[in-house]
PDB file of N, CA and C in Angstrom:
ATOM      1  N   MET A   1      19.171  -3.772  -8.496  1.00  0.00           N
ATOM      2  CA  MET A   1      19.805  -3.644  -9.753  1.00  0.00           C
ATOM      3  C   MET A   1      21.261  -3.648  -9.603  1.00  0.00           C
ATOM      4  N   SER A   2      21.898  -4.382 -10.418  1.00  0.00           N
ATOM      5  CA  SER A   2      23.447  -4.547 -10.269  1.00  0.00           C
ATOM      6  C   SER A   2      24.131  -3.459 -11.122  1.00  0.00           C
ATOM      7  N   TYR A   3      25.041  -2.720 -10.475  1.00  0.00           N
ATOM      8  CA  TYR A   3      25.927  -1.807 -11.109  1.00  0.00           C
ATOM      9  C   TYR A   3      27.435  -2.178 -11.148  1.00  0.00           C
ATOM     10  N   GLU A   4      27.714  -3.461 -11.224  1.00  0.00           N
ATOM     11  CA  GLU A   4      29.108  -4.039 -11.158  1.00  0.00           C
ATOM     12  C   GLU A   4      29.959  -3.354 -12.087  1.00  0.00           C
ATOM     13  N   PHE A   5      29.569  -3.087 -13.317  1.00  0.00           N
ATOM     14  CA  PHE A   5      30.417  -2.393 -14.271  1.00  0.00           C
ATOM     15  C   PHE A   5      30.907  -1.075 -13.879  1.00  0.00           C
ATOM     16  N   ILE A   6      29.904  -0.218 -13.367  1.00  0.00           N
ATOM     17  CA  ILE A   6      30.162   1.026 -12.831  1.00  0.00           C
ATOM     18  C   ILE A   6      31.040   1.101 -11.682  1.00  0.00           C
ATOM     19  N   ARG A   7      30.799   0.069 -10.706  1.00  0.00           N
ATOM     20  CA  ARG A   7      31.525  -0.200  -9.535  1.00  0.00           C
ATOM     21  C   ARG A   7      33.031  -0.428  -9.881  1.00  0.00           C
ATOM     22  N   ASP A   8      33.339  -1.208 -10.902  1.00  0.00           N
ATOM     23  CA  ASP A   8      34.640  -1.607 -11.372  1.00  0.00           C
ATOM     24  C   ASP A   8      35.228  -0.474 -12.262  1.00  0.00           C
ATOM     25  N   TYR A   9      34.502   0.375 -12.874  1.00  0.00           N
ATOM     26  CA  TYR A   9      35.051   1.362 -13.796  1.00  0.00           C
ATOM     27  C   TYR A   9      35.239   2.776 -13.050  1.00  0.00           C
ATOM     28  N   ASP A  10      34.329   2.938 -12.166  1.00  0.00           N
ATOM     29  CA  ASP A  10      34.313   4.449 -11.470  1.00  0.00           C
ATOM     30  C   ASP A  10      33.857   4.245 -10.177  1.00  0.00           C
ATOM     31  N   THR A  11      34.772   4.050  -9.204  1.00  0.00           N
ATOM     32  CA  THR A  11      34.275   3.681  -7.713  1.00  0.00           C
ATOM     33  C   THR A  11      33.625   5.075  -7.111  1.00  0.00           C
ATOM     34  N   GLU A  12      34.108   6.225  -7.429  1.00  0.00           N
ATOM     35  CA  GLU A  12      33.535   7.318  -7.010  1.00  0.00           C
ATOM     36  C   GLU A  12      32.120   7.557  -7.495  1.00  0.00           C
ATOM     37  N   LEU A  13      31.792   7.397  -8.715  1.00  0.00           N
ATOM     38  CA  LEU A  13      30.466   7.508  -9.231  1.00  0.00           C
ATOM     39  C   LEU A  13      29.549   6.335  -8.511  1.00  0.00           C
ATOM     40  N   TYR A  14      30.059   5.188  -8.492  1.00  0.00           N
ATOM     41  CA  TYR A  14      29.364   4.054  -7.844  1.00  0.00           C
ATOM     42  C   TYR A  14      28.976   4.477  -6.359  1.00  0.00           C
ATOM     43  N   ASP A  15      29.977   4.971  -5.599  1.00  0.00           N
ATOM     44  CA  ASP A  15      29.711   5.407  -4.186  1.00  0.00           C
ATOM     45  C   ASP A  15      28.545   6.367  -4.083  1.00  0.00           C
ATOM     46  N   ALA A  16      28.677   7.350  -4.990  1.00  0.00           N
ATOM     47  CA  ALA A  16      27.588   8.360  -5.018  1.00  0.00           C
ATOM     48  C   ALA A  16      26.179   7.841  -5.374  1.00  0.00           C
ATOM     49  N   MET A  17      26.328   6.893  -6.271  1.00  0.00           N
ATOM     50  CA  MET A  17      24.938   6.230  -6.647  1.00  0.00           C
ATOM     51  C   MET A  17      24.340   5.347  -5.542  1.00  0.00           C
ATOM     52  N   GLU A  18      25.232   4.689  -4.954  1.00  0.00           N
ATOM     53  CA  GLU A  18      24.819   3.815  -3.676  1.00  0.00           C
ATOM     54  C   GLU A  18      24.307   4.731  -2.554  1.00  0.00           C
ATOM     55  N   ASN A  19      25.097   5.751  -2.272  1.00  0.00           N
ATOM     56  CA  ASN A  19      24.661   6.656  -1.321  1.00  0.00           C
ATOM     57  C   ASN A  19      23.242   7.457  -1.580  1.00  0.00           C
ATOM     58  N   GLU A  20      23.009   7.645  -2.724  1.00  0.00           N
ATOM     59  CA  GLU A  20      21.693   8.217  -3.272  1.00  0.00           C
ATOM     60  C   GLU A  20      20.605   7.255  -3.031  1.00  0.00           C
ATOM     61  N   LEU A  21      20.937   5.925  -3.339  1.00  0.00           N
ATOM     62  CA  LEU A  21      19.963   4.891  -3.329  1.00  0.00           C
ATOM     63  C   LEU A  21      19.524   4.705  -1.774  1.00  0.00           C
ATOM     64  N   GLN A  22      20.548   4.671  -0.922  1.00  0.00           N
ATOM     65  CA  GLN A  22      20.326   4.701   0.525  1.00  0.00           C
ATOM     66  C   GLN A  22      19.552   5.787   1.119  1.00  0.00           C
ATOM     67  N   ARG A  23      19.808   7.050   0.634  1.00  0.00           N
ATOM     68  CA  ARG A  23      19.108   8.152   0.966  1.00  0.00           C
ATOM     69  C   ARG A  23      17.533   8.012   0.589  1.00  0.00           C
ATOM     70  N   GLN A  24      17.392   7.437  -0.644  1.00  0.00           N
ATOM     71  CA  GLN A  24      15.988   7.311  -1.122  1.00  0.00           C
ATOM     72  C   GLN A  24      15.248   6.304  -0.234  1.00  0.00           C
ATOM     73  N   ARG A  25      15.900   5.251   0.133  1.00  0.00           N
ATOM     74  CA  ARG A  25      15.335   4.186   0.955  1.00  0.00           C
ATOM     75  C   ARG A  25      15.119   4.725   2.330  1.00  0.00           C
ATOM     76  N   ASP A  26      15.791   5.626   2.990  1.00  0.00           N
ATOM     77  CA  ASP A  26      15.699   6.001   4.291  1.00  0.00           C
ATOM     78  C   ASP A  26      14.765   7.226   4.589  1.00  0.00           C
ATOM     79  N   HIS A  27      14.451   7.819   3.412  1.00  0.00           N
ATOM     80  CA  HIS A  27      13.619   9.132   3.626  1.00  0.00           C
ATOM     81  C   HIS A  27      12.301   9.082   2.778  1.00  0.00           C
ATOM     82  N   ILE A  28      11.345   9.736   3.067  1.00  0.00           N
ATOM     83  CA  ILE A  28      10.139   9.815   2.349  1.00  0.00           C
ATOM     84  C   ILE A  28      10.154  11.218   1.559  1.00  0.00           C
ATOM     85  N   GLU A  29      10.129  11.126   0.279  1.00  0.00           N
ATOM     86  CA  GLU A  29      10.050  12.306  -0.601  1.00  0.00           C
ATOM     87  C   GLU A  29       8.667  12.726  -0.850  1.00  0.00           C
ATOM     88  N   LEU A  30       8.199  13.901  -0.674  1.00  0.00           N
ATOM     89  CA  LEU A  30       6.862  14.234  -0.901  1.00  0.00           C
ATOM     90  C   LEU A  30       6.773  15.216  -2.151  1.00  0.00           C
ATOM     91  N   ILE A  31       7.586  14.889  -3.095  1.00  0.00           N
ATOM     92  CA  ILE A  31       7.640  15.606  -4.371  1.00  0.00           C
ATOM     93  C   ILE A  31       7.489  14.499  -5.441  1.00  0.00           C
ATOM     94  N   ALA A  32       6.186  14.771  -6.169  1.00  0.00           N
ATOM     95  CA  ALA A  32       5.716  13.809  -7.064  1.00  0.00           C
ATOM     96  C   ALA A  32       6.728  13.369  -8.189  1.00  0.00           C
ATOM     97  N   SER A  33       7.638  14.323  -8.631  1.00  0.00           N
ATOM     98  CA  SER A  33       8.586  13.900  -9.686  1.00  0.00           C
ATOM     99  C   SER A  33       9.655  13.165  -9.099  1.00  0.00           C
ATOM    100  N   GLU A  34       9.732  12.886  -7.840  1.00  0.00           N
ATOM    101  CA  GLU A  34      10.848  12.209  -7.216  1.00  0.00           C
ATOM    102  C   GLU A  34      10.324  10.831  -6.696  1.00  0.00           C
ATOM    103  N   ASN A  35       9.412  10.374  -7.294  1.00  0.00           N
ATOM    104  CA  ASN A  35       8.726   9.144  -7.076  1.00  0.00           C
ATOM    105  C   ASN A  35       9.656   7.930  -7.013  1.00  0.00           C
ATOM    106  N   PHE A  36       9.591   6.982  -6.103  1.00  0.00           N
ATOM    107  CA  PHE A  36      10.529   5.984  -6.028  1.00  0.00           C
ATOM    108  C   PHE A  36      10.181   4.962  -7.209  1.00  0.00           C
ATOM    109  N   THR A  37      10.897   4.697  -8.175  1.00  0.00           N
ATOM    110  CA  THR A  37      10.533   3.925  -9.484  1.00  0.00           C
ATOM    111  C   THR A  37      10.716   2.563  -9.169  1.00  0.00           C
ATOM    112  N   SER A  38       9.845   1.730  -9.647  1.00  0.00           N
ATOM    113  CA  SER A  38      10.005   0.249  -9.650  1.00  0.00           C
ATOM    114  C   SER A  38      11.133  -0.273 -10.364  1.00  0.00           C
ATOM    115  N   ARG A  39      11.606  -1.445  -9.859  1.00  0.00           N
ATOM    116  CA  ARG A  39      12.610  -2.179 -10.452  1.00  0.00           C
ATOM    117  C   ARG A  39      12.532  -2.376 -11.901  1.00  0.00           C
ATOM    118  N   ALA A  40      11.208  -2.587 -12.244  1.00  0.00           N
ATOM    119  CA  ALA A  40      10.985  -2.914 -13.748  1.00  0.00           C
ATOM    120  C   ALA A  40      11.261  -1.634 -14.586  1.00  0.00           C
ATOM    121  N   VAL A  41      10.811  -0.524 -14.176  1.00  0.00           N
ATOM    122  CA  VAL A  41      10.966   0.689 -14.706  1.00  0.00           C
ATOM    123  C   VAL A  41      12.381   1.082 -14.841  1.00  0.00           C
ATOM    124  N   MET A  42      13.107   0.876 -13.752  1.00  0.00           N
ATOM    125  CA  MET A  42      14.561   1.137 -13.720  1.00  0.00           C
ATOM    126  C   MET A  42      15.282   0.289 -14.732  1.00  0.00           C
ATOM    127  N   GLN A  43      14.988  -0.890 -14.865  1.00  0.00           N
ATOM    128  CA  GLN A  43      15.631  -1.778 -15.821  1.00  0.00           C
ATOM    129  C   GLN A  43      15.415  -1.330 -17.327  1.00  0.00           C
ATOM    130  N   ALA A  44      14.070  -1.030 -17.644  1.00  0.00           N
ATOM    131  CA  ALA A  44      13.823  -0.586 -18.835  1.00  0.00           C
ATOM    132  C   ALA A  44      14.396   0.807 -19.281  1.00  0.00           C
ATOM    133  N   MET A  45      14.402   1.713 -18.369  1.00  0.00           N
ATOM    134  CA  MET A  45      15.055   2.894 -18.492  1.00  0.00           C
ATOM    135  C   MET A  45      16.625   2.923 -18.657  1.00  0.00           C
ATOM    136  N   GLY A  46      17.119   1.865 -18.000  1.00  0.00           N
ATOM    137  CA  GLY A  46      18.632   1.714 -18.221  1.00  0.00           C
ATOM    138  C   GLY A  46      19.069   0.629 -19.215  1.00  0.00           C
ATOM    139  N   SER A  47      18.106   0.380 -20.134  1.00  0.00           N
ATOM    140  CA  SER A  47      18.267  -0.502 -21.207  1.00  0.00           C
ATOM    141  C   SER A  47      18.850   0.150 -22.585  1.00  0.00           C
ATOM    142  N   HIS A  48      18.952  -0.744 -23.376  1.00  0.00           N
ATOM    143  CA  HIS A  48      19.321  -0.173 -24.833  1.00  0.00           C
ATOM    144  C   HIS A  48      18.229   0.551 -25.477  1.00  0.00           C
ATOM    145  N   LEU A  49      17.043   0.640 -24.943  1.00  0.00           N
ATOM    146  CA  LEU A  49      15.902   1.642 -25.480  1.00  0.00           C
ATOM    147  C   LEU A  49      16.349   2.924 -25.330  1.00  0.00           C
ATOM    148  N   THR A  50      17.161   3.380 -24.242  1.00  0.00           N
ATOM    149  CA  THR A  50      17.632   4.677 -24.156  1.00  0.00           C
ATOM    150  C   THR A  50      18.612   5.254 -25.226  1.00  0.00           C
ATOM    151  N   ASN A  51      19.050   4.283 -26.009  1.00  0.00           N
ATOM    152  CA  ASN A  51      20.075   4.702 -27.079  1.00  0.00           C
ATOM    153  C   ASN A  51      19.177   5.312 -28.317  1.00  0.00           C
ATOM    154  N   LYS A  52      17.978   5.066 -28.266  1.00  0.00           N
ATOM    155  CA  LYS A  52      17.197   5.506 -29.680  1.00  0.00           C
ATOM    156  C   LYS A  52      16.542   6.696 -29.232  1.00  0.00           C
ATOM    157  N   TYR A  53      16.647   7.716 -30.109  1.00  0.00           N
ATOM    158  CA  TYR A  53      15.930   9.012 -30.032  1.00  0.00           C
ATOM    159  C   TYR A  53      14.720   8.839 -30.877  1.00  0.00           C
ATOM    160  N   ALA A  54      13.543   9.002 -30.318  1.00  0.00           N
ATOM    161  CA  ALA A  54      12.311   8.648 -30.940  1.00  0.00           C
ATOM    162  C   ALA A  54      11.369   9.880 -30.743  1.00  0.00           C
ATOM    163  N   GLU A  55      11.605  10.995 -31.403  1.00  0.00           N
ATOM    164  CA  GLU A  55      10.605  12.165 -31.465  1.00  0.00           C
ATOM    165  C   GLU A  55       9.446  11.897 -32.265  1.00  0.00           C
ATOM    166  N   GLY A  56       8.291  12.370 -31.825  1.00  0.00           N
ATOM    167  CA  GLY A  56       7.062  12.075 -32.468  1.00  0.00           C
ATOM    168  C   GLY A  56       6.233  11.023 -31.779  1.00  0.00           C
ATOM    169  N   TYR A  57       5.310  10.530 -32.398  1.00  0.00           N
ATOM    170  CA  TYR A  57       4.332   9.490 -32.058  1.00  0.00           C
ATOM    171  C   TYR A  57       4.618   8.047 -32.715  1.00  0.00           C
ATOM    172  N   PRO A  58       4.143   7.033 -32.133  1.00  0.00           N
ATOM    173  CA  PRO A  58       4.248   5.819 -32.838  1.00  0.00           C
ATOM    174  C   PRO A  58       3.654   5.893 -34.195  1.00  0.00           C
ATOM    175  N   GLY A  59       4.418   5.385 -35.117  1.00  0.00           N
ATOM    176  CA  GLY A  59       4.103   5.424 -36.628  1.00  0.00           C
ATOM    177  C   GLY A  59       4.239   6.665 -37.271  1.00  0.00           C
ATOM    178  N   ALA A  60       4.716   7.750 -36.533  1.00  0.00           N
ATOM    179  CA  ALA A  60       4.792   9.050 -37.109  1.00  0.00           C
ATOM    180  C   ALA A  60       6.134   9.661 -36.465  1.00  0.00           C
ATOM    181  N   ARG A  61       7.244   9.017 -36.654  1.00  0.00           N
ATOM    182  CA  ARG A  61       8.443   9.527 -36.147  1.00  0.00           C
ATOM    183  C   ARG A  61       9.204  10.347 -37.141  1.00  0.00           C
ATOM    184  N   TYR A  62      10.111  11.251 -36.671  1.00  0.00           N
ATOM    185  CA  TYR A  62      10.969  12.076 -37.454  1.00  0.00           C
ATOM    186  C   TYR A  62      12.090  11.323 -38.017  1.00  0.00           C
ATOM    187  N   TYR A  63      12.445  10.241 -37.390  1.00  0.00           N
ATOM    188  CA  TYR A  63      13.761   9.505 -37.796  1.00  0.00           C
ATOM    189  C   TYR A  63      13.383   8.025 -37.953  1.00  0.00           C
ATOM    190  N   GLY A  64      14.082   7.336 -38.683  1.00  0.00           N
ATOM    191  CA  GLY A  64      13.853   5.794 -38.912  1.00  0.00           C
ATOM    192  C   GLY A  64      14.387   5.021 -37.754  1.00  0.00           C
ATOM    193  N   GLY A  65      14.047   3.637 -37.872  1.00  0.00           N
ATOM    194  CA  GLY A  65      14.730   2.734 -36.899  1.00  0.00           C
ATOM    195  C   GLY A  65      13.861   2.710 -35.572  1.00  0.00           C
ATOM    196  N   CYS A  66      12.666   3.225 -35.567  1.00  0.00           N
ATOM    197  CA  CYS A  66      11.879   3.338 -34.251  1.00  0.00           C
ATOM    198  C   CYS A  66      10.790   2.217 -34.189  1.00  0.00           C
ATOM    199  N   GLU A  67      10.766   1.287 -34.997  1.00  0.00           N
ATOM    200  CA  GLU A  67       9.697   0.226 -34.924  1.00  0.00           C
ATOM    201  C   GLU A  67       9.579  -0.420 -33.668  1.00  0.00           C
ATOM    202  N   TYR A  68      10.597  -0.657 -32.935  1.00  0.00           N
ATOM    203  CA  TYR A  68      10.504  -1.387 -31.712  1.00  0.00           C
ATOM    204  C   TYR A  68      10.192  -0.412 -30.594  1.00  0.00           C
ATOM    205  N   VAL A  69      10.703   0.788 -30.751  1.00  0.00           N
ATOM    206  CA  VAL A  69      10.300   1.813 -29.663  1.00  0.00           C
ATOM    207  C   VAL A  69       8.813   2.146 -29.906  1.00  0.00           C
ATOM    208  N   ASP A  70       8.280   2.197 -31.156  1.00  0.00           N
ATOM    209  CA  ASP A  70       6.941   2.324 -31.294  1.00  0.00           C
ATOM    210  C   ASP A  70       6.014   1.245 -30.674  1.00  0.00           C
ATOM    211  N   VAL A  71       6.526  -0.006 -30.592  1.00  0.00           N
ATOM    212  CA  VAL A  71       5.907  -1.144 -29.875  1.00  0.00           C
ATOM    213  C   VAL A  71       5.774  -0.807 -28.426  1.00  0.00           C
ATOM    214  N   VAL A  72       6.945  -0.427 -27.930  1.00  0.00           N
ATOM    215  CA  VAL A  72       6.929  -0.191 -26.515  1.00  0.00           C
ATOM    216  C   VAL A  72       6.100   1.032 -26.092  1.00  0.00           C
ATOM    217  N   GLU A  73       6.195   2.127 -26.874  1.00  0.00           N
ATOM    218  CA  GLU A  73       5.294   3.271 -26.648  1.00  0.00           C
ATOM    219  C   GLU A  73       3.807   2.958 -26.769  1.00  0.00           C
ATOM    220  N   GLN A  74       3.446   2.110 -27.732  1.00  0.00           N
ATOM    221  CA  GLN A  74       2.007   1.831 -27.949  1.00  0.00           C
ATOM    222  C   GLN A  74       1.550   0.925 -26.724  1.00  0.00           C
ATOM    223  N   LEU A  75       2.462  -0.064 -26.286  1.00  0.00           N
ATOM    224  CA  LEU A  75       1.980  -0.769 -25.156  1.00  0.00           C
ATOM    225  C   LEU A  75       1.658   0.269 -23.945  1.00  0.00           C
ATOM    226  N   ALA A  76       2.410   1.079 -23.770  1.00  0.00           N
ATOM    227  CA  ALA A  76       2.363   2.135 -22.586  1.00  0.00           C
ATOM    228  C   ALA A  76       1.074   2.875 -22.785  1.00  0.00           C
ATOM    229  N   ILE A  77       0.746   3.342 -23.946  1.00  0.00           N
ATOM    230  CA  ILE A  77      -0.519   3.955 -24.315  1.00  0.00           C
ATOM    231  C   ILE A  77      -1.740   3.136 -24.180  1.00  0.00           C
ATOM    232  N   ASP A  78      -1.671   2.019 -24.628  1.00  0.00           N
ATOM    233  CA  ASP A  78      -2.856   1.040 -24.468  1.00  0.00           C
ATOM    234  C   ASP A  78      -3.115   0.570 -23.021  1.00  0.00           C
ATOM    235  N   ARG A  79      -1.973   0.475 -22.224  1.00  0.00           N
ATOM    236  CA  ARG A  79      -2.235   0.124 -20.887  1.00  0.00           C
ATOM    237  C   ARG A  79      -2.818   1.249 -20.052  1.00  0.00           C
ATOM    238  N   VAL A  80      -2.322   2.386 -20.325  1.00  0.00           N
ATOM    239  CA  VAL A  80      -2.856   3.597 -19.673  1.00  0.00           C
ATOM    240  C   VAL A  80      -4.273   3.923 -19.985  1.00  0.00           C
ATOM    241  N   LYS A  81      -4.605   3.734 -21.181  1.00  0.00           N
ATOM    242  CA  LYS A  81      -6.045   3.736 -21.583  1.00  0.00           C
ATOM    243  C   LYS A  81      -6.911   2.902 -20.906  1.00  0.00           C
ATOM    244  N   ALA A  82      -6.521   1.682 -20.835  1.00  0.00           N
ATOM    245  CA  ALA A  82      -7.198   0.639 -20.143  1.00  0.00           C
ATOM    246  C   ALA A  82      -7.328   0.870 -18.738  1.00  0.00           C
ATOM    247  N   LEU A  83      -6.237   1.219 -18.197  1.00  0.00           N
ATOM    248  CA  LEU A  83      -6.217   1.483 -16.663  1.00  0.00           C
ATOM    249  C   LEU A  83      -7.136   2.634 -16.211  1.00  0.00           C
ATOM    250  N   PHE A  84      -7.220   3.736 -16.987  1.00  0.00           N
ATOM    251  CA  PHE A  84      -7.927   4.719 -16.484  1.00  0.00           C
ATOM    252  C   PHE A  84      -9.319   4.912 -17.374  1.00  0.00           C
ATOM    253  N   GLY A  85      -9.573   3.981 -18.276  1.00  0.00           N
ATOM    254  CA  GLY A  85     -10.813   4.101 -19.161  1.00  0.00           C
ATOM    255  C   GLY A  85     -10.797   5.268 -19.928  1.00  0.00           C
ATOM    256  N   ALA A  86      -9.788   5.659 -20.532  1.00  0.00           N
ATOM    257  CA  ALA A  86      -9.620   6.859 -21.272  1.00  0.00           C
ATOM    258  C   ALA A  86      -9.644   6.449 -22.844  1.00  0.00           C
ATOM    259  N   GLU A  87     -10.076   7.447 -23.604  1.00  0.00           N
ATOM    260  CA  GLU A  87     -10.055   7.291 -25.075  1.00  0.00           C
ATOM    261  C   GLU A  87      -8.594   7.592 -25.623  1.00  0.00           C
ATOM    262  N   HIS A  88      -7.952   8.555 -24.934  1.00  0.00           N
ATOM    263  CA  HIS A  88      -6.623   8.872 -25.440  1.00  0.00           C
ATOM    264  C   HIS A  88      -5.640   8.886 -24.440  1.00  0.00           C
ATOM    265  N   ALA A  89      -4.335   8.800 -24.736  1.00  0.00           N
ATOM    266  CA  ALA A  89      -3.247   8.844 -23.695  1.00  0.00           C
ATOM    267  C   ALA A  89      -2.037   9.424 -24.461  1.00  0.00           C
ATOM    268  N   ASN A  90      -1.211  10.239 -23.818  1.00  0.00           N
ATOM    269  CA  ASN A  90       0.042  10.659 -24.220  1.00  0.00           C
ATOM    270  C   ASN A  90       0.995  10.325 -23.230  1.00  0.00           C
ATOM    271  N   VAL A  91       1.940   9.469 -23.583  1.00  0.00           N
ATOM    272  CA  VAL A  91       2.979   8.799 -22.564  1.00  0.00           C
ATOM    273  C   VAL A  91       4.356   9.493 -22.870  1.00  0.00           C
TER     274      VAL A  91
END
């Protein structure tokens, strides 16, 4: 993933990020919450989707403008249900 904007704007932050990436590549973490995230997930999490506050569930949000976030969340729900053969999923 390219962080050229951060590198050009804040070299100290960029260096810390690069050092953390190297640390993650060089070591095995045995903490589940520190899983090495796929590139696709990193791109989605670093996208414009993070600009949207979407409390609630697809189709039942507390704020407007969530129609596309609903699509993304419903995709995740449907895929998890299919993967695990589950009737329900909360993502």
